[in-house]
Amino acid sequence: MAGKKILMLVGDFTEEYEIFVFEQGMQAVGHKVDVVCPDKKAGDILRTSLHDFEGDQTYTEKLGHNFTIKKSFSSVKPQDYDAVYIAGGRGPEYIRIDKRVQAIVRHFHEEDKAIFTICHGVQVLMAVPETIRGKQVAGLHFCEPEVTAVGGIFIDVPPTGAHVDGKLVSAKAWHGLGAFMAKCNEVLGTEIRHGEVKAVSEAPRKGARNGSGERATARA
C-alpha cells in the first residue's frame, strides 16, 4: 500500500506531543505529514506547549519545544490530502475561527475523507458542526458541553484509549497517542506486518584469526 498524505492543522501553543509524536510516528510507517498553521510559511517557528496532569483540578501548561514549519499555509490544497488531523492544546481555540481552516475541514467532511482529532482539537470541529453532528467523538472531558451543544455525542474514552465513528478518529489527550495512531492507520488502510527479527552478522576484524587459526580478512 502506498503511503497516504495527511494534513495537520496547528496553531501557536498546540500540544507538542500531539505534533511531534504523530508526525514522526506516521512518517515511520510511510505516510507523509504536512504541518501547517494559518499565516505561517515554511521556515517559520511554531511555539508549542506541554500540558500535564499533576494533581491540580485542571491541567498545567508549560512551554514546549519549538517546531519549524516546513509547508506554507497559503500553499495548501486540501484535495491533495487523504486525511486531516487537528492536534490539541491551545492552538485549536483560536484557529477554529479562521474561515480558511473551517473551509479545509469542511472539504474533508464533504468528500468523506478521514478526519482525526485529539484533545482540544475537537474545538475546530465544533466550528464546522456538520462534522460531528450526530456522531460519536472523544476529546478532553472539558470539551463535552461544546460538543453536545452542536449536536455531537461525547464519548469519554480512557486516557490511553481512542474512538472511531466511521472515518472520524478521536482521543482524549496525548496519553492516548499510541491507540489513536493505531486507529488512524486502520482507517487509512495501513497494513503493518511483523516479521522475524534477524541478527546482523558483523564482518570479522581485519587481522583477526578464525576458528582454524588462520587470519580472517574483512570484505567490503
C-alpha atoms as a PDB file:
ATOM      1  CA  MET A   1       0.000   0.000   0.000  1.00  0.00           C
ATOM      2  CA  ALA A   2       1.300   3.439  -0.901  1.00  0.00           C
ATOM      3  CA  GLY A   3       1.656   5.928   1.928  1.00  0.00           C
ATOM      4  CA  LYS A   4      -1.104   8.475   2.488  1.00  0.00           C
ATOM      5  CA  LYS A   5      -0.871  12.254   2.720  1.00  0.00           C
ATOM      6  CA  ILE A   6      -2.054  13.783   5.989  1.00  0.00           C
ATOM      7  CA  LEU A   7      -2.592  17.486   6.631  1.00  0.00           C
ATOM      8  CA  MET A   8      -2.017  18.543  10.244  1.00  0.00           C
ATOM      9  CA  LEU A   9      -3.663  21.783  11.407  1.00  0.00           C
ATOM     10  CA  VAL A  10      -1.945  23.535  14.312  1.00  0.00           C
ATOM     11  CA  GLY A  11      -1.635  26.924  15.953  1.00  0.00           C
ATOM     12  CA  ASP A  12       0.812  28.518  18.341  1.00  0.00           C
ATOM     13  CA  PHE A  13       0.891  26.633  21.658  1.00  0.00           C
ATOM     14  CA  THR A  14      -0.591  23.477  20.241  1.00  0.00           C
ATOM     15  CA  GLU A  15       0.361  20.467  22.404  1.00  0.00           C
ATOM     16  CA  GLU A  16       3.912  19.461  21.445  1.00  0.00           C
ATOM     17  CA  TYR A  17       3.494  15.681  21.851  1.00  0.00           C
ATOM     18  CA  GLU A  18       0.476  15.730  19.569  1.00  0.00           C
ATOM     19  CA  ILE A  19       2.609  17.352  16.880  1.00  0.00           C
ATOM     20  CA  PHE A  20       5.973  15.612  17.172  1.00  0.00           C
ATOM     21  CA  VAL A  21       4.824  12.101  18.099  1.00  0.00           C
ATOM     22  CA  PHE A  22       2.067  11.988  15.486  1.00  0.00           C
ATOM     23  CA  GLU A  23       4.226  13.427  12.711  1.00  0.00           C
ATOM     24  CA  GLN A  24       7.187  11.127  13.299  1.00  0.00           C
ATOM     25  CA  GLY A  25       5.104   8.043  14.089  1.00  0.00           C
ATOM     26  CA  MET A  26       3.048   8.306  10.909  1.00  0.00           C
ATOM     27  CA  GLN A  27       6.127   9.050   8.823  1.00  0.00           C
ATOM     28  CA  ALA A  28       7.767   5.932  10.270  1.00  0.00           C
ATOM     29  CA  VAL A  29       5.127   3.747   8.587  1.00  0.00           C
ATOM     30  CA  GLY A  30       5.391   5.522   5.254  1.00  0.00           C
ATOM     31  CA  HIS A  31       2.848   8.350   5.400  1.00  0.00           C
ATOM     32  CA  LYS A  32       3.605  11.989   4.567  1.00  0.00           C
ATOM     33  CA  VAL A  33       2.528  14.573   7.131  1.00  0.00           C
ATOM     34  CA  ASP A  34       2.400  18.295   6.350  1.00  0.00           C
ATOM     35  CA  VAL A  35       2.099  20.501   9.437  1.00  0.00           C
ATOM     36  CA  VAL A  36       0.578  23.914   8.695  1.00  0.00           C
ATOM     37  CA  CYS A  37      -0.511  26.941  10.687  1.00  0.00           C
ATOM     38  CA  PRO A  38      -2.620  29.880   9.469  1.00  0.00           C
ATOM     39  CA  ASP A  39      -0.454  32.762   8.232  1.00  0.00           C
ATOM     40  CA  LYS A  40       2.820  30.908   8.822  1.00  0.00           C
ATOM     41  CA  LYS A  41       5.110  29.926   5.984  1.00  0.00           C
ATOM     42  CA  ALA A  42       7.865  27.363   5.525  1.00  0.00           C
ATOM     43  CA  GLY A  43      10.768  28.199   7.834  1.00  0.00           C
ATOM     44  CA  ASP A  44       8.640  29.981  10.454  1.00  0.00           C
ATOM     45  CA  ILE A  45       8.743  28.832  14.064  1.00  0.00           C
ATOM     46  CA  LEU A  46       5.684  27.420  15.826  1.00  0.00           C
ATOM     47  CA  ARG A  47       5.721  27.742  19.599  1.00  0.00           C
ATOM     48  CA  THR A  48       4.270  24.681  21.333  1.00  0.00           C
ATOM     49  CA  SER A  49       3.041  23.913  24.838  1.00  0.00           C
ATOM     50  CA  LEU A  50       3.155  20.866  27.095  1.00  0.00           C
ATOM     51  CA  HIS A  51       0.131  20.040  29.215  1.00  0.00           C
ATOM     52  CA  ASP A  52       0.206  17.630  32.131  1.00  0.00           C
ATOM     53  CA  PHE A  53      -1.959  16.450  34.995  1.00  0.00           C
ATOM     54  CA  GLU A  54      -0.100  16.934  38.265  1.00  0.00           C
ATOM     55  CA  GLY A  55      -2.791  16.682  40.938  1.00  0.00           C
ATOM     56  CA  ASP A  56      -4.462  20.059  40.415  1.00  0.00           C
ATOM     57  CA  GLN A  57      -8.123  20.480  39.495  1.00  0.00           C
ATOM     58  CA  THR A  58      -7.115  21.149  35.904  1.00  0.00           C
ATOM     59  CA  TYR A  59      -4.058  20.589  33.721  1.00  0.00           C
ATOM     60  CA  THR A  60      -0.830  22.556  33.981  1.00  0.00           C
ATOM     61  CA  GLU A  61       0.791  24.237  30.984  1.00  0.00           C
ATOM     62  CA  LYS A  62       4.479  24.628  30.225  1.00  0.00           C
ATOM     63  CA  LEU A  63       6.443  25.886  27.248  1.00  0.00           C
ATOM     64  CA  GLY A  64       7.253  23.099  24.798  1.00  0.00           C
ATOM     65  CA  HIS A  65       9.842  22.703  22.045  1.00  0.00           C
ATOM     66  CA  ASN A  66       9.825  24.978  19.020  1.00  0.00           C
ATOM     67  CA  PHE A  67       8.649  23.374  15.776  1.00  0.00           C
ATOM     68  CA  THR A  68       9.891  24.553  12.389  1.00  0.00           C
ATOM     69  CA  ILE A  69       7.082  24.803   9.854  1.00  0.00           C
ATOM     70  CA  LYS A  70       8.003  23.063   6.585  1.00  0.00           C
ATOM     71  CA  LYS A  71       5.000  23.997   4.434  1.00  0.00           C
ATOM     72  CA  SER A  72       3.333  27.364   3.940  1.00  0.00           C
ATOM     73  CA  PHE A  73      -0.334  27.548   4.871  1.00  0.00           C
ATOM     74  CA  SER A  74      -1.073  29.594   1.749  1.00  0.00           C
ATOM     75  CA  SER A  75       0.063  26.721  -0.493  1.00  0.00           C
ATOM     76  CA  VAL A  76      -2.271  24.090   0.999  1.00  0.00           C
ATOM     77  CA  LYS A  77      -4.629  22.317  -1.413  1.00  0.00           C
ATOM     78  CA  PRO A  78      -6.986  20.103   0.631  1.00  0.00           C
ATOM     79  CA  GLN A  79      -7.762  17.960  -2.413  1.00  0.00           C
ATOM     80  CA  ASP A  80      -4.165  16.712  -2.334  1.00  0.00           C
ATOM     81  CA  TYR A  81      -4.644  15.019   1.053  1.00  0.00           C
ATOM     82  CA  ASP A  82      -6.238  11.780   2.235  1.00  0.00           C
ATOM     83  CA  ALA A  83      -6.844  12.907   5.830  1.00  0.00           C
ATOM     84  CA  VAL A  84      -6.808  15.942   8.077  1.00  0.00           C
ATOM     85  CA  TYR A  85      -5.537  15.837  11.660  1.00  0.00           C
ATOM     86  CA  ILE A  86      -6.232  18.515  14.262  1.00  0.00           C
ATOM     87  CA  ALA A  87      -3.812  18.436  17.184  1.00  0.00           C
ATOM     88  CA  GLY A  88      -4.910  19.698  20.605  1.00  0.00           C
ATOM     89  CA  GLY A  89      -3.570  22.130  23.160  1.00  0.00           C
ATOM     90  CA  ARG A  90      -4.151  25.875  22.925  1.00  0.00           C
ATOM     91  CA  GLY A  91      -3.963  26.217  19.144  1.00  0.00           C
ATOM     92  CA  PRO A  92      -7.491  24.979  18.293  1.00  0.00           C
ATOM     93  CA  GLU A  93      -9.039  27.685  20.475  1.00  0.00           C
ATOM     94  CA  TYR A  94      -8.086  30.402  18.010  1.00  0.00           C
ATOM     95  CA  ILE A  95      -7.531  28.701  14.642  1.00  0.00           C
ATOM     96  CA  ARG A  96     -11.129  27.435  14.700  1.00  0.00           C
ATOM     97  CA  ILE A  97     -12.493  30.909  13.993  1.00  0.00           C
ATOM     98  CA  ASP A  98     -10.356  31.185  10.841  1.00  0.00           C
ATOM     99  CA  LYS A  99     -12.687  30.765   7.846  1.00  0.00           C
ATOM    100  CA  ARG A 100      -9.861  29.180   5.833  1.00  0.00           C
ATOM    101  CA  VAL A 101      -9.393  26.493   8.474  1.00  0.00           C
ATOM    102  CA  GLN A 102     -13.137  25.882   8.537  1.00  0.00           C
ATOM    103  CA  ALA A 103     -13.179  25.528   4.747  1.00  0.00           C
ATOM    104  CA  ILE A 104     -10.351  22.981   4.861  1.00  0.00           C
ATOM    105  CA  VAL A 105     -12.124  20.860   7.475  1.00  0.00           C
ATOM    106  CA  ARG A 106     -15.412  21.144   5.575  1.00  0.00           C
ATOM    107  CA  HIS A 107     -13.701  19.778   2.454  1.00  0.00           C
ATOM    108  CA  PHE A 108     -12.708  16.564   4.236  1.00  0.00           C
ATOM    109  CA  HIS A 109     -16.219  16.128   5.593  1.00  0.00           C
ATOM    110  CA  GLU A 110     -17.938  16.731   2.262  1.00  0.00           C
ATOM    111  CA  GLU A 111     -15.524  14.457   0.388  1.00  0.00           C
ATOM    112  CA  ASP A 112     -15.931  11.702   3.017  1.00  0.00           C
ATOM    113  CA  LYS A 113     -12.230  11.667   3.841  1.00  0.00           C
ATOM    114  CA  ALA A 114     -10.670  10.732   7.161  1.00  0.00           C
ATOM    115  CA  ILE A 115     -10.756  13.280   9.996  1.00  0.00           C
ATOM    116  CA  PHE A 116      -8.528  12.808  13.053  1.00  0.00           C
ATOM    117  CA  THR A 117      -8.779  14.885  16.235  1.00  0.00           C
ATOM    118  CA  ILE A 118      -7.299  14.647  19.709  1.00  0.00           C
ATOM    119  CA  CYS A 119      -7.806  16.547  22.973  1.00  0.00           C
ATOM    120  CA  HIS A 120      -8.866  20.178  22.293  1.00  0.00           C
ATOM    121  CA  GLY A 121      -8.614  19.536  18.546  1.00  0.00           C
ATOM    122  CA  VAL A 122     -12.333  18.826  18.665  1.00  0.00           C
ATOM    123  CA  GLN A 123     -12.870  22.572  19.163  1.00  0.00           C
ATOM    124  CA  VAL A 124     -12.078  23.068  15.470  1.00  0.00           C
ATOM    125  CA  LEU A 125     -14.756  20.533  14.531  1.00  0.00           C
ATOM    126  CA  MET A 126     -17.264  22.406  16.711  1.00  0.00           C
ATOM    127  CA  ALA A 127     -16.806  25.379  14.402  1.00  0.00           C
ATOM    128  CA  VAL A 128     -17.849  23.140  11.492  1.00  0.00           C
ATOM    129  CA  PRO A 129     -20.689  21.384  13.355  1.00  0.00           C
ATOM    130  CA  GLU A 130     -21.767  19.119  10.493  1.00  0.00           C
ATOM    131  CA  THR A 131     -18.530  17.180  11.010  1.00  0.00           C
ATOM    132  CA  ILE A 132     -19.674  15.874  14.410  1.00  0.00           C
ATOM    133  CA  ARG A 133     -23.439  16.363  14.431  1.00  0.00           C
ATOM    134  CA  GLY A 134     -24.957  13.009  15.347  1.00  0.00           C
ATOM    135  CA  LYS A 135     -21.515  11.389  15.555  1.00  0.00           C
ATOM    136  CA  GLN A 136     -19.613   9.952  18.482  1.00  0.00           C
ATOM    137  CA  VAL A 137     -16.472  11.900  19.260  1.00  0.00           C
ATOM    138  CA  ALA A 138     -13.920  11.917  22.071  1.00  0.00           C
ATOM    139  CA  GLY A 139     -11.861  14.790  23.397  1.00  0.00           C
ATOM    140  CA  LEU A 140     -10.662  16.261  26.641  1.00  0.00           C
ATOM    141  CA  HIS A 141     -13.614  15.993  29.033  1.00  0.00           C
ATOM    142  CA  PHE A 142     -13.729  19.777  29.481  1.00  0.00           C
ATOM    143  CA  CYS A 143     -14.933  19.984  25.857  1.00  0.00           C
ATOM    144  CA  GLU A 144     -18.073  17.902  26.441  1.00  0.00           C
ATOM    145  CA  PRO A 145     -20.524  20.857  26.792  1.00  0.00           C
ATOM    146  CA  GLU A 146     -19.356  22.334  23.484  1.00  0.00           C
ATOM    147  CA  VAL A 147     -19.535  19.001  21.667  1.00  0.00           C
ATOM    148  CA  THR A 148     -23.090  18.322  22.797  1.00  0.00           C
ATOM    149  CA  ALA A 149     -24.134  21.950  22.126  1.00  0.00           C
ATOM    150  CA  VAL A 150     -23.510  21.475  18.392  1.00  0.00           C
ATOM    151  CA  GLY A 151     -25.174  18.056  18.269  1.00  0.00           C
ATOM    152  CA  GLY A 152     -22.222  15.750  18.779  1.00  0.00           C
ATOM    153  CA  ILE A 153     -22.271  12.681  21.030  1.00  0.00           C
ATOM    154  CA  PHE A 154     -19.400  12.988  23.505  1.00  0.00           C
ATOM    155  CA  ILE A 155     -17.573   9.741  24.311  1.00  0.00           C
ATOM    156  CA  ASP A 156     -15.462   9.727  27.480  1.00  0.00           C
ATOM    157  CA  VAL A 157     -12.710   7.310  26.469  1.00  0.00           C
ATOM    158  CA  PRO A 158      -9.955   6.249  28.894  1.00  0.00           C
ATOM    159  CA  PRO A 159      -6.834   8.468  28.812  1.00  0.00           C
ATOM    160  CA  THR A 160      -4.956   5.816  26.815  1.00  0.00           C
ATOM    161  CA  GLY A 161      -7.884   4.993  24.518  1.00  0.00           C
ATOM    162  CA  ALA A 162      -9.267   6.187  21.193  1.00  0.00           C
ATOM    163  CA  HIS A 163     -12.639   6.085  19.452  1.00  0.00           C
ATOM    164  CA  VAL A 164     -13.739   5.532  15.850  1.00  0.00           C
ATOM    165  CA  ASP A 165     -17.021   6.584  14.249  1.00  0.00           C
ATOM    166  CA  GLY A 166     -16.823   5.888  10.524  1.00  0.00           C
ATOM    167  CA  LYS A 167     -13.804   7.836   9.272  1.00  0.00           C
ATOM    168  CA  LEU A 168     -13.705  10.084  12.350  1.00  0.00           C
ATOM    169  CA  VAL A 169     -10.979   9.060  14.822  1.00  0.00           C
ATOM    170  CA  SER A 170     -10.731  10.877  18.152  1.00  0.00           C
ATOM    171  CA  ALA A 171      -8.973  10.606  21.500  1.00  0.00           C
ATOM    172  CA  LYS A 172      -8.813  12.315  24.883  1.00  0.00           C
ATOM    173  CA  ALA A 173      -5.229  13.511  25.187  1.00  0.00           C
ATOM    174  CA  TRP A 174      -1.603  12.818  24.330  1.00  0.00           C
ATOM    175  CA  HIS A 175      -1.558   9.842  26.713  1.00  0.00           C
ATOM    176  CA  GLY A 176      -3.638   8.004  24.106  1.00  0.00           C
ATOM    177  CA  LEU A 177      -1.449   8.720  21.084  1.00  0.00           C
ATOM    178  CA  GLY A 178      -0.495   5.059  20.689  1.00  0.00           C
ATOM    179  CA  ALA A 179      -4.084   3.836  20.453  1.00  0.00           C
ATOM    180  CA  PHE A 180      -5.070   6.922  18.471  1.00  0.00           C
ATOM    181  CA  MET A 181      -2.425   6.445  15.776  1.00  0.00           C
ATOM    182  CA  ALA A 182      -3.226   2.739  15.559  1.00  0.00           C
ATOM    183  CA  LYS A 183      -6.875   3.607  14.816  1.00  0.00           C
ATOM    184  CA  CYS A 184      -5.831   6.309  12.342  1.00  0.00           C
ATOM    185  CA  ASN A 185      -3.740   3.748  10.487  1.00  0.00           C
ATOM    186  CA  GLU A 186      -6.663   1.320  10.407  1.00  0.00           C
ATOM    187  CA  VAL A 187      -8.925   3.965   8.870  1.00  0.00           C
ATOM    188  CA  LEU A 188      -6.215   4.779   6.305  1.00  0.00           C
ATOM    189  CA  GLY A 189      -5.946   1.106   5.406  1.00  0.00           C
ATOM    190  CA  THR A 190      -2.358   0.829   6.625  1.00  0.00           C
ATOM    191  CA  GLU A 191      -1.119  -2.745   6.938  1.00  0.00           C
ATOM    192  CA  ILE A 192       1.772  -3.350   9.318  1.00  0.00           C
ATOM    193  CA  ARG A 193       3.304  -6.822   9.324  1.00  0.00           C
ATOM    194  CA  HIS A 194       5.732  -8.025  11.962  1.00  0.00           C
ATOM    195  CA  GLY A 195       8.313 -10.418  10.576  1.00  0.00           C
ATOM    196  CA  GLU A 196      11.098 -12.430  12.163  1.00  0.00           C
ATOM    197  CA  VAL A 197      13.895 -10.344  13.652  1.00  0.00           C
ATOM    198  CA  LYS A 198      17.213 -11.335  12.125  1.00  0.00           C
ATOM    199  CA  ALA A 199      20.545 -10.606  13.751  1.00  0.00           C
ATOM    200  CA  VAL A 200      23.020  -8.614  11.690  1.00  0.00           C
ATOM    201  CA  SER A 201      26.298 -10.508  11.403  1.00  0.00           C
ATOM    202  CA  GLU A 202      29.416  -8.485  11.970  1.00  0.00           C
ATOM    203  CA  ALA A 203      32.269  -8.568   9.466  1.00  0.00           C
ATOM    204  CA  PRO A 204      35.434 -10.034  11.015  1.00  0.00           C
ATOM    205  CA  ARG A 205      38.028  -7.551  12.142  1.00  0.00           C
ATOM    206  CA  LYS A 206      40.999  -7.193   9.847  1.00  0.00           C
ATOM    207  CA  GLY A 207      43.751  -9.454  11.045  1.00  0.00           C
ATOM    208  CA  ALA A 208      41.546 -11.421  13.468  1.00  0.00           C
ATOM    209  CA  ARG A 209      42.022 -15.211  13.490  1.00  0.00           C
ATOM    210  CA  ASN A 210      39.155 -17.517  12.539  1.00  0.00           C
ATOM    211  CA  GLY A 211      38.314 -20.871  14.119  1.00  0.00           C
ATOM    212  CA  SER A 212      41.090 -22.665  12.172  1.00  0.00           C
ATOM    213  CA  GLY A 213      43.750 -20.298  13.417  1.00  0.00           C
ATOM    214  CA  GLU A 214      44.068 -18.582  10.069  1.00  0.00           C
ATOM    215  CA  ARG A 215      43.866 -14.867   9.735  1.00  0.00           C
ATOM    216  CA  ALA A 216      40.420 -13.656   8.598  1.00  0.00           C
ATOM    217  CA  THR A 217      40.096 -10.928   6.033  1.00  0.00           C
ATOM    218  CA  ALA A 218      37.204  -8.439   6.198  1.00  0.00           C
ATOM    219  CA  ARG A 219      35.439  -7.884   2.918  1.00  0.00           C
ATOM    220  CA  ALA A 220      33.798  -4.651   1.850  1.00  0.00           C
END
